[in-house]
Amino acid sequence: MRGSFGIPTDISFAWRADIGVTVFFILSGFVLTYSYSSLGSGRVTVWQFYVARFARIWPAHAVTLLAAIALGVPFQLQSFIANAALVQAWIPTGHYFFSYNAVSWSISTEMGFYLLFPLLVLNIATTWPWKLAAALGISVAVVTLACIIDLPAYSGRQDVFVMQGLVMTNPLARLFEFTLGTATAAVWLRNRDRLSFSLVTWAGFEALSILFFIWGTRVIGSELQSIFPTGLSMEYWIGQSLSPNIPIAVALAVLASSTGPLARLLGSRPMIFLGEISFAIYLTHQLVLRFFLGHLQILEGWSPSVATAGYLTAVLVASTLLHFLVELPAQNAIKELAIRLRGHRIPNAGSALPAQGSSSCINAHPTSIRLDSSSQSSSAG
């Protein structure tokens, strides 16, 4: 929203607002590992996992892909096919990874994680250390390759390989973040029964984790720059992807267990609802912005604050409609079709994660995965 509705382009926040996707990748690995820790053991099959994930993300993505075309994004067959197949982020040109509904690149990246997840979660309780190290090695190798071939930064050109196409959107470059989420979940699952503290103590842990998150995401990167090879791609990856990882994982583990005030706030009904529609919010927010920027007469005479409120209200309405009219019906239809084809029940696409009997709830895109301890049952996400 920077630069729109009168919001300055240089506005800053106490936190790194540009690392939201890193939060979502780590959170995704965490909750999927909780929900599918027994994947492949007979309780939940790999087929059921893939159907559940497809049912969760593809229908809403398909609708917003068509909506982008309806809003005037030029149609191009190759990039449309890549988007429909959710592989646009795997092709390192802006013509692909930023095509149509540009924010959907992260869903494409997530699709790469889904393909690898059955291997990552296999015996995760004992294998997470070497898998985490291997994922870091793979990510560093991809970024180092981008440094060696000296890829330029994305500047609007659509037809050339760019640094962001390997470093920002490629699943292998972001694999460490997702794998860190799986490793954090493995450690948390082993130790969560020991995490029983008073409300005041949890409140202190929450405050410390948030302070560490704010401090760490700003400071750790400068220390890491001296460890890894130099280059534009490496600097970008360290700043955007690597440096926030540990602070995010720590904050996530604390909030997953906490009974403190922040966890209670996240477990409130409004926050739970926002979590349920968060995937739709993510997919619609840029399209709604495109609509307003193409019809500025609608906002004529509105103050920046009123225009911003109008935009946010429109996003909330659009995402609610997408959630209830597309996401939920399509999920049910796809799961029923899968049952007819294979005769296996497909787990729910959402996840409920009990955490020490608290009311804590963490809600986030890109898969609207929810850590909801108000429910004492877990359905695979």
Protein backbone atom coordinates (compact mmCIF):
# COMPACT_ATOMS: atom_id res chain seq x y z
CA MET A 1 0.00 0.00 0.00
CA ARG A 2 3.03 2.27 0.18
CA GLY A 3 2.59 5.05 -2.37
CA SER A 4 -1.20 4.53 -2.58
CA PHE A 5 -4.03 6.40 -0.83
CA GLY A 6 -1.60 9.10 0.27
CA ILE A 7 0.60 6.67 2.23
CA PRO A 8 4.29 7.70 1.92
CA THR A 9 6.55 5.29 0.04
CA ASP A 10 9.23 5.62 2.72
CA ILE A 11 7.01 4.80 5.70
CA SER A 12 8.76 2.51 8.20
CA PHE A 13 7.60 0.16 10.90
CA ALA A 14 9.10 -1.12 14.14
CA TRP A 15 9.14 -4.56 12.55
CA ARG A 16 10.34 -5.72 9.16
CA ALA A 17 7.05 -5.65 7.26
CA ASP A 18 8.79 -7.08 4.18
CA ILE A 19 9.50 -10.46 5.78
CA GLY A 20 5.88 -11.53 6.06
CA VAL A 21 6.31 -14.31 3.49
CA THR A 22 9.21 -15.73 5.52
CA VAL A 23 6.88 -15.89 8.53
CA PHE A 24 4.31 -17.73 6.46
CA PHE A 25 6.80 -20.26 5.06
CA ILE A 26 8.10 -21.12 8.53
CA LEU A 27 4.59 -21.27 9.96
CA SER A 28 3.50 -23.52 7.12
CA GLY A 29 6.29 -26.00 7.81
CA PHE A 30 5.49 -25.92 11.52
CA VAL A 31 1.77 -26.62 11.27
CA LEU A 32 1.98 -29.14 8.46
CA THR A 33 4.52 -31.10 10.49
CA TYR A 34 2.21 -31.06 13.50
CA SER A 35 -0.76 -32.14 11.41
CA TYR A 36 1.05 -34.72 9.27
CA SER A 37 3.78 -36.04 11.56
CA SER A 38 2.53 -39.56 10.80
CA LEU A 39 2.22 -39.00 7.05
CA GLY A 40 2.73 -42.23 5.12
CA SER A 41 2.23 -44.45 8.15
CA GLY A 42 -1.27 -45.50 7.11
CA ARG A 43 -3.21 -42.95 9.16
CA VAL A 44 -2.85 -40.37 6.40
CA THR A 45 -1.48 -41.25 2.98
CA VAL A 46 0.61 -39.08 0.69
CA TRP A 47 -2.29 -39.10 -1.77
CA GLN A 48 -4.62 -37.68 0.88
CA PHE A 49 -2.07 -35.00 1.74
CA TYR A 50 -1.70 -33.83 -1.85
CA VAL A 51 -5.45 -33.79 -2.45
CA ALA A 52 -6.03 -31.79 0.73
CA ARG A 53 -3.39 -29.22 -0.21
CA PHE A 54 -4.67 -28.92 -3.78
CA ALA A 55 -8.23 -28.46 -2.51
CA ARG A 56 -7.03 -25.81 -0.12
CA ILE A 57 -5.11 -23.52 -2.45
CA TRP A 58 -5.95 -24.11 -6.11
CA PRO A 59 -9.64 -23.10 -6.41
CA ALA A 60 -9.15 -19.63 -4.88
CA HIS A 61 -5.95 -19.19 -6.88
CA ALA A 62 -7.77 -20.08 -10.11
CA VAL A 63 -10.55 -17.57 -9.44
CA THR A 64 -8.12 -14.74 -8.65
CA LEU A 65 -6.07 -15.65 -11.72
CA LEU A 66 -9.16 -15.13 -13.87
CA ALA A 67 -10.02 -11.99 -11.90
CA ALA A 68 -6.61 -10.52 -12.76
CA ILE A 69 -7.37 -10.99 -16.46
CA ALA A 70 -10.80 -9.43 -16.00
CA LEU A 71 -9.12 -6.42 -14.38
CA GLY A 72 -7.01 -5.84 -17.46
CA VAL A 73 -3.83 -7.86 -16.98
CA PRO A 74 -2.76 -8.85 -20.53
CA PHE A 75 -3.28 -12.51 -21.36
CA GLN A 76 -0.22 -14.52 -22.35
CA LEU A 77 -0.66 -18.23 -22.89
CA GLN A 78 2.66 -19.55 -21.52
CA SER A 79 2.53 -17.61 -18.27
CA PHE A 80 -1.16 -18.43 -17.89
CA ILE A 81 -0.40 -22.15 -18.12
CA ALA A 82 2.44 -21.76 -15.62
CA ASN A 83 0.09 -19.94 -13.23
CA ALA A 84 -2.64 -22.53 -13.66
CA ALA A 85 -0.10 -25.25 -12.84
CA LEU A 86 1.30 -23.19 -9.94
CA VAL A 87 4.86 -23.34 -11.23
CA GLN A 88 5.27 -19.67 -12.21
CA ALA A 89 7.66 -19.00 -9.31
CA TRP A 90 9.99 -21.73 -10.57
CA ILE A 91 10.82 -19.74 -13.72
CA PRO A 92 13.23 -16.87 -12.96
CA THR A 93 11.78 -14.13 -15.18
CA GLY A 94 9.29 -11.50 -14.12
CA HIS A 95 7.17 -12.48 -17.11
CA TYR A 96 6.34 -15.63 -15.14
CA PHE A 97 6.78 -15.19 -11.39
CA PHE A 98 5.11 -11.75 -11.23
CA SER A 99 2.45 -12.46 -13.85
CA TYR A 100 -1.29 -11.96 -13.38
CA ASN A 101 -2.02 -11.88 -9.63
CA ALA A 102 1.62 -11.22 -8.75
CA VAL A 103 1.37 -12.18 -5.08
CA SER A 104 0.53 -15.76 -6.04
CA TRP A 105 4.25 -16.41 -6.58
CA SER A 106 4.46 -17.43 -2.91
CA ILE A 107 1.73 -20.04 -3.42
CA SER A 108 3.78 -21.45 -6.30
CA THR A 109 6.82 -21.55 -4.02
CA GLU A 110 4.72 -23.29 -1.39
CA MET A 111 3.70 -25.87 -3.96
CA GLY A 112 7.36 -26.81 -4.28
CA PHE A 113 7.47 -27.33 -0.51
CA TYR A 114 4.40 -29.56 -0.68
CA LEU A 115 6.10 -31.81 -3.21
CA LEU A 116 9.09 -32.27 -0.87
CA PHE A 117 7.13 -32.44 2.37
CA PRO A 118 6.56 -36.23 2.49
CA LEU A 119 10.35 -36.66 2.46
CA LEU A 120 10.95 -33.87 4.96
CA VAL A 121 8.44 -35.16 7.50
CA LEU A 122 9.60 -38.78 7.29
CA ASN A 123 11.04 -39.69 10.73
CA ILE A 124 11.22 -35.97 11.44
CA ALA A 125 11.68 -36.45 15.19
CA THR A 126 15.15 -37.92 14.65
CA THR A 127 16.15 -36.65 11.22
CA TRP A 128 15.42 -32.93 11.53
CA PRO A 129 19.05 -31.88 12.31
CA TRP A 130 20.56 -33.22 9.10
CA LYS A 131 17.53 -32.26 7.00
CA LEU A 132 17.78 -28.71 8.29
CA ALA A 133 21.50 -28.62 7.49
CA ALA A 134 20.86 -30.07 4.03
CA ALA A 135 18.14 -27.50 3.34
CA LEU A 136 20.49 -24.69 4.34
CA GLY A 137 23.16 -26.10 2.03
CA ILE A 138 20.72 -26.29 -0.89
CA SER A 139 19.48 -22.74 -0.33
CA VAL A 140 23.01 -21.37 -0.05
CA ALA A 141 24.02 -23.23 -3.22
CA VAL A 142 21.15 -21.70 -5.22
CA VAL A 143 21.93 -18.20 -3.96
CA THR A 144 25.65 -18.69 -4.62
CA LEU A 145 24.82 -19.72 -8.18
CA ALA A 146 22.89 -16.47 -8.57
CA CYS A 147 25.97 -14.60 -7.34
CA ILE A 148 28.32 -16.45 -9.70
CA ILE A 149 26.28 -15.71 -12.79
CA ASP A 150 25.72 -12.17 -11.45
CA LEU A 151 21.98 -11.97 -12.05
CA PRO A 152 20.64 -8.39 -12.08
CA ALA A 153 17.90 -7.19 -9.76
CA TYR A 154 14.35 -7.04 -11.11
CA SER A 155 13.72 -3.61 -12.62
CA GLY A 156 10.48 -4.15 -14.50
CA ARG A 157 11.85 -6.01 -17.51
CA GLN A 158 9.87 -9.18 -18.00
CA ASP A 159 12.03 -11.17 -20.41
CA VAL A 160 15.37 -11.61 -18.60
CA PHE A 161 16.55 -13.85 -15.77
CA VAL A 162 16.70 -11.80 -12.60
CA MET A 163 18.06 -12.23 -9.10
CA GLN A 164 14.63 -12.37 -7.46
CA GLY A 165 13.67 -15.24 -9.75
CA LEU A 166 16.27 -17.48 -8.12
CA VAL A 167 16.68 -15.92 -4.68
CA MET A 168 13.17 -14.79 -3.75
CA THR A 169 10.69 -17.03 -5.54
CA ASN A 170 12.51 -20.32 -6.22
CA PRO A 171 11.41 -23.05 -3.78
CA LEU A 172 14.96 -24.34 -3.36
CA ALA A 173 16.24 -20.92 -2.30
CA ARG A 174 13.45 -20.68 0.31
CA LEU A 175 13.62 -24.33 1.38
CA PHE A 176 15.54 -23.58 4.58
CA GLU A 177 12.66 -21.44 5.89
CA PHE A 178 10.06 -24.17 5.39
CA THR A 179 12.39 -26.85 6.77
CA LEU A 180 13.11 -24.70 9.82
CA GLY A 181 9.37 -24.72 10.45
CA THR A 182 9.32 -28.53 10.32
CA ALA A 183 12.34 -28.74 12.63
CA THR A 184 10.82 -26.27 15.10
CA ALA A 185 7.65 -28.35 15.17
CA ALA A 186 9.64 -31.54 15.81
CA VAL A 187 11.43 -29.98 18.78
CA TRP A 188 8.24 -28.37 20.07
CA LEU A 189 6.27 -31.64 19.88
CA ARG A 190 8.94 -33.39 21.93
CA ASN A 191 9.00 -30.72 24.66
CA ARG A 192 5.57 -29.10 24.75
CA ASP A 193 4.34 -31.11 27.77
CA ARG A 194 7.09 -29.50 29.84
CA LEU A 195 6.02 -25.98 28.89
CA SER A 196 3.61 -25.18 31.70
CA PHE A 197 3.98 -21.72 33.22
CA SER A 198 1.85 -19.04 34.84
CA LEU A 199 0.06 -16.31 32.91
CA VAL A 200 2.60 -13.73 34.07
CA THR A 201 5.54 -15.90 33.01
CA TRP A 202 4.04 -16.54 29.59
CA ALA A 203 3.40 -12.81 29.20
CA GLY A 204 7.12 -12.25 29.85
CA PHE A 205 8.10 -14.92 27.33
CA GLU A 206 5.78 -13.36 24.75
CA ALA A 207 7.31 -9.93 25.29
CA LEU A 208 10.86 -11.28 25.06
CA SER A 209 10.10 -13.24 21.90
CA ILE A 210 8.59 -10.18 20.22
CA LEU A 211 11.54 -8.00 21.25
CA PHE A 212 13.94 -10.68 19.96
CA PHE A 213 11.94 -10.79 16.72
CA ILE A 214 12.16 -7.02 16.22
CA TRP A 215 15.83 -6.85 17.22
CA GLY A 216 16.95 -10.02 15.49
CA THR A 217 15.39 -9.30 12.13
CA ARG A 218 17.29 -6.00 12.02
CA VAL A 219 20.64 -7.00 13.51
CA ILE A 220 21.35 -10.64 12.67
CA GLY A 221 21.63 -9.94 8.94
CA SER A 222 24.62 -7.67 9.37
CA GLU A 223 26.47 -10.41 11.26
CA LEU A 224 25.63 -13.05 8.67
CA GLN A 225 26.93 -10.89 5.83
CA SER A 226 30.49 -11.53 7.04
CA ILE A 227 30.05 -15.32 6.99
CA PHE A 228 28.65 -15.97 3.53
CA PRO A 229 30.08 -15.05 0.11
CA THR A 230 29.50 -11.48 -1.00
CA GLY A 231 27.25 -10.42 -3.84
CA LEU A 232 23.93 -8.73 -4.49
CA SER A 233 21.98 -11.99 -4.50
CA MET A 234 23.53 -13.18 -1.22
CA GLU A 235 22.91 -9.84 0.48
CA TYR A 236 19.31 -9.88 -0.67
CA TRP A 237 18.73 -13.46 0.49
CA ILE A 238 20.33 -12.89 3.89
CA GLY A 239 18.29 -9.76 4.49
CA GLN A 240 14.95 -11.07 3.24
CA SER A 241 15.07 -14.77 4.05
CA LEU A 242 17.89 -15.96 6.30
CA SER A 243 18.31 -13.35 9.03
CA PRO A 244 14.66 -13.37 10.24
CA ASN A 245 14.46 -17.16 10.53
CA ILE A 246 15.56 -17.84 14.12
CA PRO A 247 13.60 -14.92 15.67
CA ILE A 248 10.49 -16.07 13.79
CA ALA A 249 10.92 -19.70 14.87
CA VAL A 250 11.40 -18.68 18.51
CA ALA A 251 8.32 -16.44 18.48
CA LEU A 252 6.29 -19.18 16.82
CA ALA A 253 7.26 -21.81 19.38
CA VAL A 254 6.41 -19.45 22.24
CA LEU A 255 3.03 -18.46 20.83
CA ALA A 256 2.13 -22.08 20.04
CA SER A 257 2.44 -22.95 23.73
CA SER A 258 1.61 -19.71 25.48
CA THR A 259 -1.43 -18.93 27.62
CA GLY A 260 -0.37 -15.29 27.85
CA PRO A 261 -2.28 -12.19 26.76
CA LEU A 262 -0.97 -12.14 23.19
CA ALA A 263 -1.91 -15.79 22.68
CA ARG A 264 -5.35 -15.08 24.09
CA LEU A 265 -5.76 -12.16 21.71
CA LEU A 266 -4.78 -14.38 18.78
CA GLY A 267 -7.33 -16.90 20.00
CA SER A 268 -10.20 -14.41 20.01
CA ARG A 269 -13.08 -14.93 17.59
CA PRO A 270 -12.26 -11.92 15.35
CA MET A 271 -8.65 -13.09 15.00
CA ILE A 272 -9.75 -16.65 14.28
CA PHE A 273 -12.09 -15.38 11.57
CA LEU A 274 -9.33 -13.26 10.04
CA GLY A 275 -7.12 -16.35 10.10
CA GLU A 276 -9.74 -18.39 8.30
CA ILE A 277 -10.00 -15.84 5.49
CA SER A 278 -6.31 -14.85 5.52
CA PHE A 279 -5.51 -16.84 2.39
CA ALA A 280 -8.33 -15.04 0.57
CA ILE A 281 -7.11 -11.70 1.94
CA TYR A 282 -3.66 -12.37 0.57
CA LEU A 283 -4.97 -13.36 -2.85
CA THR A 284 -7.39 -10.43 -3.22
CA HIS A 285 -5.56 -7.46 -1.68
CA GLN A 286 -3.49 -6.61 -4.75
CA LEU A 287 -6.41 -7.15 -7.12
CA VAL A 288 -8.58 -4.78 -5.09
CA LEU A 289 -5.74 -2.26 -5.12
CA ARG A 290 -5.48 -2.64 -8.91
CA PHE A 291 -9.21 -1.99 -9.20
CA PHE A 292 -9.05 1.20 -7.14
CA LEU A 293 -5.99 2.51 -8.96
CA GLY A 294 -7.82 1.94 -12.24
CA HIS A 295 -10.91 3.76 -10.99
CA LEU A 296 -9.51 6.69 -9.05
CA GLN A 297 -12.73 8.62 -9.56
CA ILE A 298 -14.29 6.41 -6.90
CA LEU A 299 -11.94 7.92 -4.34
CA GLU A 300 -12.27 11.50 -5.54
CA GLY A 301 -12.60 13.85 -2.58
CA TRP A 302 -11.68 11.16 -0.03
CA SER A 303 -8.96 11.86 2.49
CA PRO A 304 -6.04 9.39 2.61
CA SER A 305 -7.32 7.86 5.85
CA VAL A 306 -10.86 7.40 4.51
CA ALA A 307 -9.55 6.03 1.21
CA THR A 308 -7.37 3.55 3.07
CA ALA A 309 -10.31 2.49 5.24
CA GLY A 310 -12.41 2.04 2.11
CA TYR A 311 -9.71 -0.08 0.50
CA LEU A 312 -9.32 -2.29 3.56
CA THR A 313 -13.09 -2.71 3.81
CA ALA A 314 -13.24 -3.73 0.15
CA VAL A 315 -10.47 -6.29 0.72
CA LEU A 316 -12.34 -7.70 3.71
CA VAL A 317 -15.56 -8.01 1.71
CA ALA A 318 -13.84 -9.52 -1.33
CA SER A 319 -11.88 -12.04 0.74
CA THR A 320 -14.95 -13.05 2.75
CA LEU A 321 -16.88 -13.70 -0.44
CA LEU A 322 -13.97 -15.65 -1.94
CA HIS A 323 -13.68 -17.76 1.21
CA PHE A 324 -17.35 -18.68 1.56
CA LEU A 325 -18.36 -18.83 -2.11
CA VAL A 326 -15.24 -20.45 -3.58
CA GLU A 327 -12.78 -21.87 -1.06
CA LEU A 328 -15.10 -23.87 1.19
CA PRO A 329 -17.48 -25.25 -1.50
CA ALA A 330 -14.56 -26.16 -3.77
CA GLN A 331 -12.69 -27.91 -0.96
CA ASN A 332 -15.72 -30.05 -0.16
CA ALA A 333 -16.35 -30.85 -3.82
CA ILE A 334 -12.74 -31.86 -4.49
CA LYS A 335 -12.56 -34.02 -1.39
CA GLU A 336 -15.82 -35.76 -2.27
CA LEU A 337 -14.55 -36.41 -5.79
CA ALA A 338 -11.33 -37.84 -4.38
CA ILE A 339 -13.32 -40.16 -2.12
CA ARG A 340 -15.25 -41.46 -5.10
CA LEU A 341 -12.05 -42.03 -7.08
CA ARG A 342 -9.98 -43.64 -4.35
CA GLY A 343 -12.38 -44.47 -1.55
CA HIS A 344 -10.30 -42.69 1.10
CA ARG A 345 -11.49 -39.90 3.37
CA ILE A 346 -9.58 -36.68 2.73
CA PRO A 347 -8.57 -34.76 5.86
CA ASN A 348 -9.76 -31.21 6.33
CA ALA A 349 -7.56 -28.65 4.64
CA GLY A 350 -7.33 -26.51 7.77
CA SER A 351 -5.39 -27.41 10.89
CA ALA A 352 -6.21 -27.21 14.54
CA LEU A 353 -3.29 -27.37 16.91
CA PRO A 354 -3.96 -27.79 20.63
CA ALA A 355 -1.46 -25.97 22.80
CA GLN A 356 -1.57 -26.65 26.50
CA GLY A 357 -5.30 -26.02 26.79
CA SER A 358 -4.91 -22.33 26.04
CA SER A 359 -7.03 -20.28 23.71
CA SER A 360 -4.03 -19.28 21.62
CA CYS A 361 -4.44 -19.15 17.89
CA ILE A 362 -1.96 -18.25 15.16
CA ASN A 363 -3.52 -17.53 11.80
CA ALA A 364 -1.67 -16.85 8.59
CA HIS A 365 -1.41 -17.10 4.83
CA PRO A 366 -0.29 -18.76 2.57
CA THR A 367 -2.51 -21.70 3.38
CA SER A 368 -4.66 -20.20 6.11
CA ILE A 369 -3.12 -22.72 8.44
CA ARG A 370 -4.41 -22.23 11.94
CA LEU A 371 -2.89 -23.07 15.28
CA ASP A 372 -6.07 -23.21 17.31
CA SER A 373 -5.88 -24.60 20.81
CA SER A 374 -9.54 -23.93 21.54
CA SER A 375 -10.13 -27.23 19.79
CA GLN A 376 -8.63 -30.36 21.23
CA SER A 377 -8.70 -32.28 17.99
CA SER A 378 -6.32 -32.08 15.09
CA SER A 379 -7.30 -32.33 11.49
CA ALA A 380 -4.59 -32.60 8.91
CA GLY A 381 -3.79 -29.37 7.16
